[in-house]
């Protein structure tokens, strides 16, 4: 069980860092709109992966603090909505 907790913790750290990395890499390609959007979509996928790992930690009892879980879950949902709105704004401004 200890290995499982460590492994899931490692995965959640990796996927959450990937959100930022994909946003930054996309921004670096902002001249190429399709590439920019592609990396923002990767960021959303990493956000979804992070949410899944968070849910797994909570469901297995590895994360016992319900308030922390709910706060993190809500923040991830807000981030997803903001990324989607940002993608829509980029698409509108380039059509």
PDB file of N, CA and C in Angstrom:
ATOM      1  N   UNK A   1       0.828  -1.194   0.000  1.00  0.00           N
ATOM      2  CA  UNK A   1       0.000   0.000   0.000  1.00  0.00           C
ATOM      3  C   UNK A   1       0.874   1.261   0.000  1.00  0.00           C
ATOM      4  N   UNK A   2       1.983   1.218   0.737  1.00  0.00           N
ATOM      5  CA  UNK A   2       2.845   2.392   0.804  1.00  0.00           C
ATOM      6  C   UNK A   2       3.406   2.739  -0.576  1.00  0.00           C
ATOM      7  N   UNK A   3       3.799   1.722  -1.339  1.00  0.00           N
ATOM      8  CA  UNK A   3       4.309   1.960  -2.689  1.00  0.00           C
ATOM      9  C   UNK A   3       3.234   2.600  -3.549  1.00  0.00           C
ATOM     10  N   UNK A   4       1.996   2.110  -3.431  1.00  0.00           N
ATOM     11  CA  UNK A   4       0.877   2.636  -4.220  1.00  0.00           C
ATOM     12  C   UNK A   4       0.665   4.118  -3.925  1.00  0.00           C
ATOM     13  N   UNK A   5       0.687   4.482  -2.656  1.00  0.00           N
ATOM     14  CA  UNK A   5       0.518   5.889  -2.271  1.00  0.00           C
ATOM     15  C   UNK A   5       1.655   6.721  -2.849  1.00  0.00           C
ATOM     16  N   UNK A   6       2.884   6.233  -2.737  1.00  0.00           N
ATOM     17  CA  UNK A   6       4.036   6.951  -3.275  1.00  0.00           C
ATOM     18  C   UNK A   6       3.911   7.103  -4.784  1.00  0.00           C
ATOM     19  N   UNK A   7       3.529   6.020  -5.455  1.00  0.00           N
ATOM     20  CA  UNK A   7       3.421   6.034  -6.912  1.00  0.00           C
ATOM     21  C   UNK A   7       2.343   7.012  -7.370  1.00  0.00           C
ATOM     22  N   UNK A   8       1.183   6.985  -6.741  1.00  0.00           N
ATOM     23  CA  UNK A   8       0.105   7.903  -7.114  1.00  0.00           C
ATOM     24  C   UNK A   8       0.507   9.341  -6.811  1.00  0.00           C
ATOM     25  N   UNK A   9       1.195   9.551  -5.698  1.00  0.00           N
ATOM     26  CA  UNK A   9       1.694  10.889  -5.374  1.00  0.00           C
ATOM     27  C   UNK A   9       2.674  11.382  -6.422  1.00  0.00           C
ATOM     28  N   UNK A  10       3.528  10.490  -6.888  1.00  0.00           N
ATOM     29  CA  UNK A  10       4.485  10.837  -7.938  1.00  0.00           C
ATOM     30  C   UNK A  10       3.760  11.181  -9.234  1.00  0.00           C
ATOM     31  N   UNK A  11       2.737  10.416  -9.559  1.00  0.00           N
ATOM     32  CA  UNK A  11       1.977  10.663 -10.787  1.00  0.00           C
ATOM     33  C   UNK A  11       1.234  11.992 -10.727  1.00  0.00           C
ATOM     34  N   UNK A  12       0.665  12.323  -9.570  1.00  0.00           N
ATOM     35  CA  UNK A  12      -0.079  13.577  -9.458  1.00  0.00           C
ATOM     36  C   UNK A  12       0.872  14.772  -9.550  1.00  0.00           C
ATOM     37  N   UNK A  13       2.065  14.624  -9.011  1.00  0.00           N
ATOM     38  CA  UNK A  13       3.066  15.705  -9.144  1.00  0.00           C
ATOM     39  C   UNK A  13       3.470  15.881 -10.604  1.00  0.00           C
ATOM     40  N   UNK A  14       3.694  14.781 -11.295  1.00  0.00           N
ATOM     41  CA  UNK A  14       4.100  14.836 -12.695  1.00  0.00           C
ATOM     42  C   UNK A  14       3.002  15.440 -13.563  1.00  0.00           C
ATOM     43  N   UNK A  15       1.777  14.980 -13.392  1.00  0.00           N
ATOM     44  CA  UNK A  15       0.693  15.477 -14.247  1.00  0.00           C
ATOM     45  C   UNK A  15       0.366  16.938 -13.953  1.00  0.00           C
ATOM     46  N   UNK A  16       0.475  17.346 -12.686  1.00  0.00           N
ATOM     47  CA  UNK A  16       0.191  18.754 -12.374  1.00  0.00           C
ATOM     48  C   UNK A  16       1.282  19.668 -12.935  1.00  0.00           C
ATOM     49  N   UNK A  17       2.526  19.217 -12.918  1.00  0.00           N
ATOM     50  CA  UNK A  17       3.604  20.009 -13.531  1.00  0.00           C
ATOM     51  C   UNK A  17       3.432  20.082 -15.046  1.00  0.00           C
ATOM     52  N   UNK A  18       2.887  19.030 -15.613  1.00  0.00           N
ATOM     53  CA  UNK A  18       2.680  18.980 -17.055  1.00  0.00           C
ATOM     54  C   UNK A  18       1.658  20.014 -17.521  1.00  0.00           C
ATOM     55  N   UNK A  19       0.694  20.353 -16.661  1.00  0.00           N
ATOM     56  CA  UNK A  19      -0.285  21.387 -17.016  1.00  0.00           C
ATOM     57  C   UNK A  19       0.456  22.674 -17.350  1.00  0.00           C
ATOM     58  N   UNK A  20       1.273  23.104 -16.426  1.00  0.00           N
ATOM     59  CA  UNK A  20       2.029  24.352 -16.611  1.00  0.00           C
ATOM     60  C   UNK A  20       2.979  24.256 -17.799  1.00  0.00           C
ATOM     61  N   UNK A  21       3.684  23.153 -17.896  1.00  0.00           N
ATOM     62  CA  UNK A  21       4.654  22.994 -18.981  1.00  0.00           C
ATOM     63  C   UNK A  21       3.996  23.087 -20.350  1.00  0.00           C
ATOM     64  N   UNK A  22       2.829  22.490 -20.487  1.00  0.00           N
ATOM     65  CA  UNK A  22       2.126  22.551 -21.773  1.00  0.00           C
ATOM     66  C   UNK A  22       1.639  23.958 -22.087  1.00  0.00           C
ATOM     67  N   UNK A  23       1.178  24.682 -21.076  1.00  0.00           N
ATOM     68  CA  UNK A  23       0.766  26.072 -21.295  1.00  0.00           C
ATOM     69  C   UNK A  23       1.965  26.904 -21.747  1.00  0.00           C
ATOM     70  N   UNK A  24       3.084  26.740 -21.067  1.00  0.00           N
ATOM     71  CA  UNK A  24       4.296  27.495 -21.405  1.00  0.00           C
ATOM     72  C   UNK A  24       4.789  27.128 -22.802  1.00  0.00           C
ATOM     73  N   UNK A  25       4.828  25.843 -23.112  1.00  0.00           N
ATOM     74  CA  UNK A  25       5.295  25.437 -24.438  1.00  0.00           C
ATOM     75  C   UNK A  25       4.358  25.952 -25.527  1.00  0.00           C
ATOM     76  N   UNK A  26       3.062  25.905 -25.268  1.00  0.00           N
ATOM     77  CA  UNK A  26       2.101  26.448 -26.227  1.00  0.00           C
ATOM     78  C   UNK A  26       2.302  27.934 -26.441  1.00  0.00           C
ATOM     79  N   UNK A  27       2.536  28.653 -25.350  1.00  0.00           N
ATOM     80  CA  UNK A  27       2.767  30.093 -25.459  1.00  0.00           C
ATOM     81  C   UNK A  27       3.998  30.374 -26.319  1.00  0.00           C
ATOM     82  N   UNK A  28       4.990  29.546 -26.190  1.00  0.00           N
ATOM     83  CA  UNK A  28       6.188  29.698 -27.008  1.00  0.00           C
ATOM     84  C   UNK A  28       5.918  29.495 -28.492  1.00  0.00           C
ATOM     85  N   UNK A  29       4.813  28.855 -28.807  1.00  0.00           N
ATOM     86  CA  UNK A  29       4.438  28.601 -30.205  1.00  0.00           C
ATOM     87  C   UNK A  29       3.226  29.438 -30.616  1.00  0.00           C
ATOM     88  N   UNK A  30       2.952  30.495 -29.876  1.00  0.00           N
ATOM     89  CA  UNK A  30       1.734  31.282 -30.094  1.00  0.00           C
ATOM     90  C   UNK A  30       1.631  31.875 -31.491  1.00  0.00           C
ATOM     91  N   UNK A  31       2.756  32.028 -32.164  1.00  0.00           N
ATOM     92  CA  UNK A  31       2.729  32.523 -33.542  1.00  0.00           C
ATOM     93  C   UNK A  31       1.972  31.548 -34.446  1.00  0.00           C
ATOM     94  N   UNK A  32       2.020  30.278 -34.093  1.00  0.00           N
ATOM     95  CA  UNK A  32       1.341  29.225 -34.848  1.00  0.00           C
ATOM     96  C   UNK A  32       0.100  28.812 -34.051  1.00  0.00           C
ATOM     97  N   UNK A  33      -1.024  29.409 -34.391  1.00  0.00           N
ATOM     98  CA  UNK A  33      -2.240  29.291 -33.582  1.00  0.00           C
ATOM     99  C   UNK A  33      -2.644  27.841 -33.332  1.00  0.00           C
ATOM    100  N   UNK A  34      -2.599  27.011 -34.351  1.00  0.00           N
ATOM    101  CA  UNK A  34      -3.000  25.610 -34.165  1.00  0.00           C
ATOM    102  C   UNK A  34      -2.095  24.887 -33.175  1.00  0.00           C
ATOM    103  N   UNK A  35      -0.807  25.194 -33.218  1.00  0.00           N
ATOM    104  CA  UNK A  35       0.133  24.598 -32.259  1.00  0.00           C
ATOM    105  C   UNK A  35      -0.165  25.090 -30.844  1.00  0.00           C
ATOM    106  N   UNK A  36      -0.424  26.377 -30.720  1.00  0.00           N
ATOM    107  CA  UNK A  36      -0.749  26.974 -29.419  1.00  0.00           C
ATOM    108  C   UNK A  36      -1.961  26.262 -28.820  1.00  0.00           C
ATOM    109  N   UNK A  37      -3.008  26.148 -29.607  1.00  0.00           N
ATOM    110  CA  UNK A  37      -4.230  25.500 -29.134  1.00  0.00           C
ATOM    111  C   UNK A  37      -3.970  24.033 -28.803  1.00  0.00           C
ATOM    112  N   UNK A  38      -3.178  23.378 -29.623  1.00  0.00           N
ATOM    113  CA  UNK A  38      -2.856  21.965 -29.378  1.00  0.00           C
ATOM    114  C   UNK A  38      -2.229  21.772 -27.995  1.00  0.00           C
ATOM    115  N   UNK A  39      -1.302  22.646 -27.638  1.00  0.00           N
ATOM    116  CA  UNK A  39      -0.652  22.517 -26.334  1.00  0.00           C
ATOM    117  C   UNK A  39      -1.585  22.899 -25.188  1.00  0.00           C
ATOM    118  N   UNK A  40      -2.508  23.815 -25.437  1.00  0.00           N
ATOM    119  CA  UNK A  40      -3.507  24.128 -24.414  1.00  0.00           C
ATOM    120  C   UNK A  40      -4.437  22.936 -24.199  1.00  0.00           C
ATOM    121  N   UNK A  41      -4.735  22.217 -25.262  1.00  0.00           N
ATOM    122  CA  UNK A  41      -5.538  20.997 -25.135  1.00  0.00           C
ATOM    123  C   UNK A  41      -4.759  19.930 -24.364  1.00  0.00           C
ATOM    124  N   UNK A  42      -3.459  19.832 -24.608  1.00  0.00           N
ATOM    125  CA  UNK A  42      -2.622  18.922 -23.811  1.00  0.00           C
ATOM    126  C   UNK A  42      -2.683  19.308 -22.334  1.00  0.00           C
ATOM    127  N   UNK A  43      -2.690  20.613 -22.048  1.00  0.00           N
ATOM    128  CA  UNK A  43      -2.771  21.083 -20.661  1.00  0.00           C
ATOM    129  C   UNK A  43      -4.085  20.635 -20.025  1.00  0.00           C
ATOM    130  N   UNK A  44      -5.169  20.707 -20.788  1.00  0.00           N
ATOM    131  CA  UNK A  44      -6.465  20.241 -20.273  1.00  0.00           C
ATOM    132  C   UNK A  44      -6.414  18.740 -19.992  1.00  0.00           C
ATOM    133  N   UNK A  45      -5.788  17.988 -20.878  1.00  0.00           N
ATOM    134  CA  UNK A  45      -5.660  16.539 -20.667  1.00  0.00           C
ATOM    135  C   UNK A  45      -4.846  16.250 -19.405  1.00  0.00           C
ATOM    136  N   UNK A  46      -3.794  17.016 -19.173  1.00  0.00           N
ATOM    137  CA  UNK A  46      -2.990  16.842 -17.960  1.00  0.00           C
ATOM    138  C   UNK A  46      -3.790  17.227 -16.724  1.00  0.00           C
ATOM    139  N   UNK A  47      -4.641  18.241 -16.862  1.00  0.00           N
ATOM    140  CA  UNK A  47      -5.532  18.634 -15.765  1.00  0.00           C
ATOM    141  C   UNK A  47      -6.486  17.497 -15.442  1.00  0.00           C
ATOM    142  N   UNK A  48      -7.033  16.866 -16.481  1.00  0.00           N
ATOM    143  CA  UNK A  48      -7.938  15.734 -16.275  1.00  0.00           C
ATOM    144  C   UNK A  48      -7.213  14.565 -15.601  1.00  0.00           C
ATOM    145  N   UNK A  49      -5.985  14.324 -16.008  1.00  0.00           N
ATOM    146  CA  UNK A  49      -5.190  13.255 -15.390  1.00  0.00           C
ATOM    147  C   UNK A  49      -4.930  13.569 -13.920  1.00  0.00           C
ATOM    148  N   UNK A  50      -4.602  14.814 -13.623  1.00  0.00           N
ATOM    149  CA  UNK A  50      -4.364  15.228 -12.240  1.00  0.00           C
ATOM    150  C   UNK A  50      -5.623  15.038 -11.406  1.00  0.00           C
ATOM    151  N   UNK A  51      -6.769  15.414 -11.965  1.00  0.00           N
ATOM    152  CA  UNK A  51      -8.046  15.228 -11.270  1.00  0.00           C
ATOM    153  C   UNK A  51      -8.284  13.752 -10.973  1.00  0.00           C
ATOM    154  N   UNK A  52      -7.994  12.901 -11.935  1.00  0.00           N
ATOM    155  CA  UNK A  52      -8.173  11.462 -11.739  1.00  0.00           C
ATOM    156  C   UNK A  52      -7.281  10.940 -10.615  1.00  0.00           C
ATOM    157  N   UNK A  53      -6.024  11.368 -10.584  1.00  0.00           N
ATOM    158  CA  UNK A  53      -5.113  10.930  -9.518  1.00  0.00           C
ATOM    159  C   UNK A  53      -5.594  11.437  -8.160  1.00  0.00           C
ATOM    160  N   UNK A  54      -6.074  12.670  -8.115  1.00  0.00           N
ATOM    161  CA  UNK A  54      -6.595  13.239  -6.871  1.00  0.00           C
ATOM    162  C   UNK A  54      -7.791  12.422  -6.381  1.00  0.00           C
ATOM    163  N   UNK A  55      -8.691  12.089  -7.287  1.00  0.00           N
ATOM    164  CA  UNK A  55      -9.861  11.286  -6.925  1.00  0.00           C
ATOM    165  C   UNK A  55      -9.443   9.910  -6.417  1.00  0.00           C
ATOM    166  N   UNK A  56      -8.443   9.324  -7.049  1.00  0.00           N
ATOM    167  CA  UNK A  56      -7.945   8.017  -6.611  1.00  0.00           C
ATOM    168  C   UNK A  56      -7.388   8.097  -5.197  1.00  0.00           C
ATOM    169  N   UNK A  57      -6.602   9.132  -4.920  1.00  0.00           N
ATOM    170  CA  UNK A  57      -6.044   9.297  -3.572  1.00  0.00           C
ATOM    171  C   UNK A  57      -7.152   9.426  -2.533  1.00  0.00           C
ATOM    172  N   UNK A  58      -8.192  10.170  -2.873  1.00  0.00           N
ATOM    173  CA  UNK A  58      -9.295  10.370  -1.929  1.00  0.00           C
ATOM    174  C   UNK A  58     -10.121   9.092  -1.768  1.00  0.00           C
ATOM    175  N   UNK A  59     -10.441   8.441  -2.871  1.00  0.00           N
ATOM    176  CA  UNK A  59     -11.272   7.231  -2.830  1.00  0.00           C
ATOM    177  C   UNK A  59     -10.595   6.082  -2.087  1.00  0.00           C
ATOM    178  N   UNK A  60      -9.280   6.013  -2.160  1.00  0.00           N
ATOM    179  CA  UNK A  60      -8.557   4.930  -1.478  1.00  0.00           C
ATOM    180  C   UNK A  60      -8.236   5.270  -0.026  1.00  0.00           C
ATOM    181  N   UNK A  61      -8.551   6.495   0.383  1.00  0.00           N
ATOM    182  CA  UNK A  61      -8.272   6.903   1.756  1.00  0.00           C
ATOM    183  C   UNK A  61      -6.860   7.407   1.962  1.00  0.00           C
ATOM    184  N   UNK A  62      -6.076   7.470   0.900  1.00  0.00           N
ATOM    185  CA  UNK A  62      -4.710   7.986   1.014  1.00  0.00           C
ATOM    186  C   UNK A  62      -4.720   9.484   1.308  1.00  0.00           C
ATOM    187  N   UNK A  63      -5.735  10.164   0.802  1.00  0.00           N
ATOM    188  CA  UNK A  63      -5.963  11.573   1.119  1.00  0.00           C
ATOM    189  C   UNK A  63      -7.225  11.608   1.961  1.00  0.00           C
ATOM    190  N   UNK A  64      -7.068  11.873   3.248  1.00  0.00           N
ATOM    191  CA  UNK A  64      -8.195  11.802   4.173  1.00  0.00           C
ATOM    192  C   UNK A  64      -8.865  13.150   4.409  1.00  0.00           C
ATOM    193  N   UNK A  65      -8.177  14.227   4.076  1.00  0.00           N
ATOM    194  CA  UNK A  65      -8.700  15.566   4.330  1.00  0.00           C
ATOM    195  C   UNK A  65      -9.717  15.937   3.248  1.00  0.00           C
ATOM    196  N   UNK A  66     -11.004  15.785   3.582  1.00  0.00           N
ATOM    197  CA  UNK A  66     -12.071  16.024   2.604  1.00  0.00           C
ATOM    198  C   UNK A  66     -12.095  17.473   2.145  1.00  0.00           C
ATOM    199  N   UNK A  67     -11.851  18.391   3.049  1.00  0.00           N
ATOM    200  CA  UNK A  67     -11.852  19.817   2.704  1.00  0.00           C
ATOM    201  C   UNK A  67     -10.751  20.130   1.690  1.00  0.00           C
ATOM    202  N   UNK A  68      -9.568  19.581   1.905  1.00  0.00           N
ATOM    203  CA  UNK A  68      -8.457  19.774   0.972  1.00  0.00           C
ATOM    204  C   UNK A  68      -8.798  19.163  -0.385  1.00  0.00           C
ATOM    205  N   UNK A  69      -9.334  17.953  -0.358  1.00  0.00           N
ATOM    206  CA  UNK A  69      -9.732  17.287  -1.601  1.00  0.00           C
ATOM    207  C   UNK A  69     -10.726  18.144  -2.376  1.00  0.00           C
ATOM    208  N   UNK A  70     -11.758  18.620  -1.698  1.00  0.00           N
ATOM    209  CA  UNK A  70     -12.794  19.417  -2.369  1.00  0.00           C
ATOM    210  C   UNK A  70     -12.227  20.718  -2.923  1.00  0.00           C
ATOM    211  N   UNK A  71     -11.338  21.350  -2.159  1.00  0.00           N
ATOM    212  CA  UNK A  71     -10.727  22.603  -2.620  1.00  0.00           C
ATOM    213  C   UNK A  71      -9.868  22.370  -3.861  1.00  0.00           C
ATOM    214  N   UNK A  72      -9.030  21.350  -3.822  1.00  0.00           N
ATOM    215  CA  UNK A  72      -8.178  21.045  -4.975  1.00  0.00           C
ATOM    216  C   UNK A  72      -9.015  20.656  -6.187  1.00  0.00           C
ATOM    217  N   UNK A  73     -10.042  19.857  -5.956  1.00  0.00           N
ATOM    218  CA  UNK A  73     -10.919  19.427  -7.048  1.00  0.00           C
ATOM    219  C   UNK A  73     -11.593  20.641  -7.688  1.00  0.00           C
ATOM    220  N   UNK A  74     -12.083  21.544  -6.861  1.00  0.00           N
ATOM    221  CA  UNK A  74     -12.736  22.756  -7.373  1.00  0.00           C
ATOM    222  C   UNK A  74     -11.754  23.627  -8.155  1.00  0.00           C
ATOM    223  N   UNK A  75     -10.542  23.773  -7.647  1.00  0.00           N
ATOM    224  CA  UNK A  75      -9.537  24.580  -8.345  1.00  0.00           C
ATOM    225  C   UNK A  75      -9.191  23.977  -9.706  1.00  0.00           C
ATOM    226  N   UNK A  76      -9.121  22.667  -9.775  1.00  0.00           N
ATOM    227  CA  UNK A  76      -8.851  22.009 -11.057  1.00  0.00           C
ATOM    228  C   UNK A  76     -10.008  22.214 -12.034  1.00  0.00           C
ATOM    229  N   UNK A  77     -11.234  22.167 -11.534  1.00  0.00           N
ATOM    230  CA  UNK A  77     -12.397  22.412 -12.396  1.00  0.00           C
ATOM    231  C   UNK A  77     -12.383  23.845 -12.930  1.00  0.00           C
ATOM    232  N   UNK A  78     -12.069  24.795 -12.075  1.00  0.00           N
ATOM    233  CA  UNK A  78     -11.987  26.201 -12.492  1.00  0.00           C
ATOM    234  C   UNK A  78     -10.907  26.366 -13.555  1.00  0.00           C
ATOM    235  N   UNK A  79      -9.756  25.739 -13.335  1.00  0.00           N
ATOM    236  CA  UNK A  79      -8.670  25.812 -14.309  1.00  0.00           C
ATOM    237  C   UNK A  79      -9.116  25.264 -15.661  1.00  0.00           C
ATOM    238  N   UNK A  80      -9.808  24.139 -15.652  1.00  0.00           N
ATOM    239  CA  UNK A  80     -10.295  23.554 -16.900  1.00  0.00           C
ATOM    240  C   UNK A  80     -11.233  24.493 -17.640  1.00  0.00           C
ATOM    241  N   UNK A  81     -12.133  25.124 -16.905  1.00  0.00           N
ATOM    242  CA  UNK A  81     -13.067  26.074 -17.522  1.00  0.00           C
ATOM    243  C   UNK A  81     -12.326  27.269 -18.103  1.00  0.00           C
ATOM    244  N   UNK A  82     -11.340  27.773 -17.365  1.00  0.00           N
ATOM    245  CA  UNK A  82     -10.563  28.921 -17.855  1.00  0.00           C
ATOM    246  C   UNK A  82      -9.770  28.562 -19.104  1.00  0.00           C
ATOM    247  N   UNK A  83      -9.182  27.390 -19.118  1.00  0.00           N
ATOM    248  CA  UNK A  83      -8.437  26.965 -20.303  1.00  0.00           C
ATOM    249  C   UNK A  83      -9.362  26.832 -21.509  1.00  0.00           C
ATOM    250  N   UNK A  84     -10.538  26.261 -21.298  1.00  0.00           N
ATOM    251  CA  UNK A  84     -11.499  26.139 -22.404  1.00  0.00           C
ATOM    252  C   UNK A  84     -11.929  27.505 -22.925  1.00  0.00           C
ATOM    253  N   UNK A  85     -12.208  28.439 -22.022  1.00  0.00           N
ATOM    254  CA  UNK A  85     -12.586  29.791 -22.445  1.00  0.00           C
ATOM    255  C   UNK A  85     -11.442  30.471 -23.191  1.00  0.00           C
ATOM    256  N   UNK A  86     -10.221  30.242 -22.739  1.00  0.00           N
ATOM    257  CA  UNK A  86      -9.053  30.831 -23.385  1.00  0.00           C
ATOM    258  C   UNK A  86      -8.899  30.283 -24.807  1.00  0.00           C
ATOM    259  N   UNK A  87      -9.069  28.981 -24.960  1.00  0.00           N
ATOM    260  CA  UNK A  87      -8.991  28.369 -26.294  1.00  0.00           C
ATOM    261  C   UNK A  87     -10.066  28.962 -27.204  1.00  0.00           C
ATOM    262  N   UNK A  88     -11.275  29.094 -26.691  1.00  0.00           N
ATOM    263  CA  UNK A  88     -12.363  29.675 -27.484  1.00  0.00           C
ATOM    264  C   UNK A  88     -12.035  31.104 -27.905  1.00  0.00           C
ATOM    265  N   UNK A  89     -11.446  31.876 -27.004  1.00  0.00           N
ATOM    266  CA  UNK A  89     -11.079  33.263 -27.326  1.00  0.00           C
ATOM    267  C   UNK A  89     -10.015  33.301 -28.420  1.00  0.00           C
ATOM    268  N   UNK A  90      -9.042  32.414 -28.344  1.00  0.00           N
ATOM    269  CA  UNK A  90      -8.000  32.352 -29.375  1.00  0.00           C
ATOM    270  C   UNK A  90      -8.625  31.976 -30.718  1.00  0.00           C
ATOM    271  N   UNK A  91      -9.506  30.997 -30.699  1.00  0.00           N
ATOM    272  CA  UNK A  91     -10.156  30.568 -31.941  1.00  0.00           C
ATOM    273  C   UNK A  91     -10.988  31.702 -32.548  1.00  0.00           C
ATOM    274  N   UNK A  92     -11.730  32.424 -31.718  1.00  0.00           N
ATOM    275  CA  UNK A  92     -12.548  33.539 -32.221  1.00  0.00           C
ATOM    276  C   UNK A  92     -11.689  34.650 -32.804  1.00  0.00           C
ATOM    277  N   UNK A  93     -10.577  34.939 -32.168  1.00  0.00           N
ATOM    278  CA  UNK A  93      -9.736  36.050 -32.627  1.00  0.00           C
ATOM    279  C   UNK A  93      -8.968  35.718 -33.903  1.00  0.00           C
ATOM    280  N   UNK A  94      -8.956  34.457 -34.270  1.00  0.00           N
ATOM    281  CA  UNK A  94      -8.215  34.048 -35.465  1.00  0.00           C
ATOM    282  C   UNK A  94      -9.112  33.563 -36.588  1.00  0.00           C
ATOM    283  N   UNK A  95     -10.380  33.887 -36.505  1.00  0.00           N
ATOM    284  CA  UNK A  95     -11.306  33.506 -37.587  1.00  0.00           C
ATOM    285  C   UNK A  95     -11.940  34.707 -38.201  1.00  0.00           C
TER     286      UNK A  95
END
